[in-house]
Amino acid sequence: MSDITDVLGGLVSNVVAFLVMIVLAIATFFVTVFVVDQGAALAGYTDLSGDFVVLSATILVASTIIAGIMNQ
């Protein structure tokens, strides 16, 4: 019986960790979109399309996640 509870406990902890990582990734993406947008405004790019802001934020967040995975 102890083996089953160990497996279920590991499964629950993995699901919780997955959900926390998804929430943090979404929050980080929104913050990065804000930072990229404000940085572009400071640099004088006022007519910047939203597509490029989202693309820049996506690249930054994805590279951060990949770098975090590789450092484990």
C-alpha atoms as a PDB file:
ATOM      1  CA  MET A   1       0.000   0.000   0.000  1.00  0.00           C
ATOM      2  CA  SER A   2       2.905   2.351   0.642  1.00  0.00           C
ATOM      3  CA  ASP A   3       4.074   2.060  -2.954  1.00  0.00           C
ATOM      4  CA  ILE A   4       0.697   3.194  -4.297  1.00  0.00           C
ATOM      5  CA  THR A   5       0.619   6.254  -2.031  1.00  0.00           C
ATOM      6  CA  ASP A   6       4.185   7.124  -3.056  1.00  0.00           C
ATOM      7  CA  VAL A   7       3.235   6.941  -6.724  1.00  0.00           C
ATOM      8  CA  LEU A   8       0.056   8.983  -6.205  1.00  0.00           C
ATOM      9  CA  GLY A   9       1.954  11.542  -4.145  1.00  0.00           C
ATOM     10  CA  GLY A  10       4.542  11.891  -6.891  1.00  0.00           C
ATOM     11  CA  LEU A  11       1.814  12.256  -9.504  1.00  0.00           C
ATOM     12  CA  VAL A  12       0.023  14.946  -7.517  1.00  0.00           C
ATOM     13  CA  SER A  13       3.249  16.861  -6.919  1.00  0.00           C
ATOM     14  CA  ASN A  14       4.081  16.727 -10.635  1.00  0.00           C
ATOM     15  CA  VAL A  15       0.624  18.009 -11.585  1.00  0.00           C
ATOM     16  CA  VAL A  16       0.874  20.854  -9.059  1.00  0.00           C
ATOM     17  CA  ALA A  17       4.365  21.750 -10.280  1.00  0.00           C
ATOM     18  CA  PHE A  18       3.095  21.734 -13.881  1.00  0.00           C
ATOM     19  CA  LEU A  19       0.216  24.061 -13.033  1.00  0.00           C
ATOM     20  CA  VAL A  20       2.473  26.430 -11.116  1.00  0.00           C
ATOM     21  CA  MET A  21       4.929  26.553 -14.028  1.00  0.00           C
ATOM     22  CA  ILE A  22       2.121  27.310 -16.495  1.00  0.00           C
ATOM     23  CA  VAL A  23       0.790  30.149 -14.322  1.00  0.00           C
ATOM     24  CA  LEU A  24       4.280  31.598 -13.850  1.00  0.00           C
ATOM     25  CA  ALA A  25       5.024  31.335 -17.577  1.00  0.00           C
ATOM     26  CA  ILE A  26       1.823  33.229 -18.421  1.00  0.00           C
ATOM     27  CA  ALA A  27       2.569  35.921 -15.838  1.00  0.00           C
ATOM     28  CA  THR A  28       6.145  36.229 -17.097  1.00  0.00           C
ATOM     29  CA  PHE A  29       4.878  36.538 -20.663  1.00  0.00           C
ATOM     30  CA  PHE A  30       2.566  39.427 -19.756  1.00  0.00           C
ATOM     31  CA  VAL A  31       5.338  41.217 -17.871  1.00  0.00           C
ATOM     32  CA  THR A  32       7.724  40.691 -20.781  1.00  0.00           C
ATOM     33  CA  VAL A  33       5.166  42.057 -23.255  1.00  0.00           C
ATOM     34  CA  PHE A  34       4.889  45.180 -21.099  1.00  0.00           C
ATOM     35  CA  VAL A  35       8.681  45.547 -20.852  1.00  0.00           C
ATOM     36  CA  VAL A  36       9.207  45.089 -24.602  1.00  0.00           C
ATOM     37  CA  ASP A  37       6.433  47.568 -25.387  1.00  0.00           C
ATOM     38  CA  GLN A  38       7.813  50.182 -23.010  1.00  0.00           C
ATOM     39  CA  GLY A  39      11.377  49.612 -24.226  1.00  0.00           C
ATOM     40  CA  ALA A  40      10.277  50.135 -27.810  1.00  0.00           C
ATOM     41  CA  ALA A  41       8.481  53.327 -26.790  1.00  0.00           C
ATOM     42  CA  LEU A  42      11.618  54.596 -25.047  1.00  0.00           C
ATOM     43  CA  ALA A  43      13.643  53.812 -28.163  1.00  0.00           C
ATOM     44  CA  GLY A  44      11.256  55.883 -30.265  1.00  0.00           C
ATOM     45  CA  TYR A  45       9.343  53.091 -31.994  1.00  0.00           C
ATOM     46  CA  THR A  46       5.820  54.333 -31.405  1.00  0.00           C
ATOM     47  CA  ASP A  47       4.167  52.684 -34.402  1.00  0.00           C
ATOM     48  CA  LEU A  48       5.283  49.189 -33.448  1.00  0.00           C
ATOM     49  CA  SER A  49       2.883  46.425 -34.417  1.00  0.00           C
ATOM     50  CA  GLY A  50       1.548  44.194 -31.651  1.00  0.00           C
ATOM     51  CA  ASP A  51       2.722  41.150 -33.587  1.00  0.00           C
ATOM     52  CA  PHE A  52       6.358  42.108 -33.130  1.00  0.00           C
ATOM     53  CA  VAL A  53       5.891  42.832 -29.437  1.00  0.00           C
ATOM     54  CA  VAL A  54       4.351  39.418 -28.858  1.00  0.00           C
ATOM     55  CA  LEU A  55       7.025  37.725 -30.977  1.00  0.00           C
ATOM     56  CA  SER A  56       9.811  39.426 -29.011  1.00  0.00           C
ATOM     57  CA  ALA A  57       8.233  38.530 -25.686  1.00  0.00           C
ATOM     58  CA  THR A  58       7.688  34.934 -26.790  1.00  0.00           C
ATOM     59  CA  ILE A  59      11.321  34.547 -27.819  1.00  0.00           C
ATOM     60  CA  LEU A  60      12.534  36.007 -24.516  1.00  0.00           C
ATOM     61  CA  VAL A  61      10.259  33.834 -22.372  1.00  0.00           C
ATOM     62  CA  ALA A  62      11.004  30.667 -24.358  1.00  0.00           C
ATOM     63  CA  SER A  63      14.746  31.208 -24.136  1.00  0.00           C
ATOM     64  CA  THR A  64      14.458  31.797 -20.390  1.00  0.00           C
ATOM     65  CA  ILE A  65      12.495  28.581 -19.908  1.00  0.00           C
ATOM     66  CA  ILE A  66      14.958  26.589 -22.023  1.00  0.00           C
ATOM     67  CA  ALA A  67      17.913  28.078 -20.123  1.00  0.00           C
ATOM     68  CA  GLY A  68      16.251  27.137 -16.829  1.00  0.00           C
ATOM     69  CA  ILE A  69      15.706  23.584 -17.997  1.00  0.00           C
ATOM     70  CA  MET A  70      19.304  23.224 -19.160  1.00  0.00           C
ATOM     71  CA  ASN A  71      20.721  24.407 -15.814  1.00  0.00           C
ATOM     72  CA  GLN A  72      19.089  21.618 -13.799  1.00  0.00           C
END
